[in-house]
Amino acid sequence: MPILQVKAKPNARVSALTRQEDGSWLAQLKSPPVDGKANAELIELVARTFGCAKSSVTVKSGAGARYKRVQFPD
């Protein structure tokens, strides 16, 4: 199962997941970082981008931080 290095940017104008030059990912999230709303949006965004179920995407580390490690199935 691949793991993405993601920098979360909550309260953005648009919801988008883009690959950076260094191989990490930038997640622009409309949701605020309150009550796990931004993490839930991140999981939905990763699932939609890579075509997998939301239930199979997990935040392995950094749930309360800006830099996160997100795991999803192949």
Protein backbone atom coordinates (compact mmCIF):
# COMPACT_ATOMS: atom_id res chain seq x y z
CA MET A 1 0.00 0.00 0.00
CA PRO A 2 1.50 3.31 -1.07
CA ILE A 3 1.91 6.18 1.39
CA LEU A 4 1.61 9.81 0.32
CA GLN A 5 3.45 12.67 2.00
CA VAL A 6 0.78 15.39 2.09
CA LYS A 7 0.88 19.03 3.13
CA ALA A 8 -2.65 20.07 4.07
CA LYS A 9 -3.81 23.61 3.45
CA PRO A 10 -7.23 24.06 5.10
CA ASN A 11 -9.65 26.94 4.41
CA ALA A 12 -8.63 27.11 0.73
CA ARG A 13 -10.94 28.49 -1.94
CA VAL A 14 -10.97 25.26 -3.93
CA SER A 15 -10.55 21.60 -3.08
CA ALA A 16 -7.58 20.11 -4.98
CA LEU A 17 -4.77 17.56 -4.67
CA THR A 18 -1.63 18.37 -6.67
CA ARG A 19 1.78 16.72 -6.89
CA GLN A 20 4.76 18.90 -5.96
CA GLU A 21 8.20 18.87 -7.60
CA ASP A 22 9.78 17.10 -4.61
CA GLY A 23 7.35 14.17 -4.91
CA SER A 24 5.10 15.19 -2.05
CA TRP A 25 1.46 16.28 -2.48
CA LEU A 26 -0.33 19.54 -1.66
CA ALA A 27 -3.93 19.17 -0.52
CA GLN A 28 -5.96 22.36 -0.71
CA LEU A 29 -9.03 21.79 1.44
CA LYS A 30 -12.15 23.95 1.73
CA SER A 31 -12.92 22.62 5.21
CA PRO A 32 -11.55 24.20 8.38
CA PRO A 33 -9.21 22.16 10.61
CA VAL A 34 -11.96 21.70 13.21
CA ASP A 35 -13.44 18.41 14.50
CA GLY A 36 -11.62 16.39 11.82
CA LYS A 37 -13.48 18.05 8.93
CA ALA A 38 -10.30 18.77 6.97
CA ASN A 39 -9.05 15.19 7.46
CA ALA A 40 -12.40 13.81 6.27
CA GLU A 41 -12.21 16.00 3.17
CA LEU A 42 -8.61 14.89 2.57
CA ILE A 43 -9.63 11.22 2.72
CA GLU A 44 -12.46 11.86 0.27
CA LEU A 45 -10.12 13.77 -2.06
CA VAL A 46 -7.47 11.02 -2.07
CA ALA A 47 -10.12 8.35 -2.67
CA ARG A 48 -11.59 10.30 -5.59
CA THR A 49 -8.16 11.05 -7.11
CA PHE A 50 -6.86 7.47 -6.96
CA GLY A 51 -10.19 5.71 -7.55
CA CYS A 52 -10.50 3.77 -4.32
CA ALA A 53 -13.03 3.55 -1.49
CA LYS A 54 -12.97 6.19 1.23
CA SER A 55 -12.98 3.42 3.84
CA SER A 56 -9.64 2.11 2.54
CA VAL A 57 -7.83 5.48 2.88
CA THR A 58 -6.27 6.23 6.28
CA VAL A 59 -4.23 9.05 7.79
CA LYS A 60 -1.27 7.09 9.21
CA SER A 61 0.36 10.03 10.98
CA GLY A 62 -0.09 13.76 11.38
CA ALA A 63 -3.86 13.83 11.93
CA GLY A 64 -3.48 17.02 13.97
CA ALA A 65 -0.62 18.48 11.93
CA ARG A 66 -0.21 20.18 8.58
CA TYR A 67 2.14 17.48 7.26
CA LYS A 68 0.46 14.09 7.03
CA ARG A 69 1.16 10.56 5.81
CA VAL A 70 -1.84 9.08 4.01
CA GLN A 71 -2.08 5.41 3.06
CA PHE A 72 -4.34 4.02 0.32
CA PRO A 73 -4.59 0.72 -1.61
CA ASP A 74 -2.94 0.11 -5.00
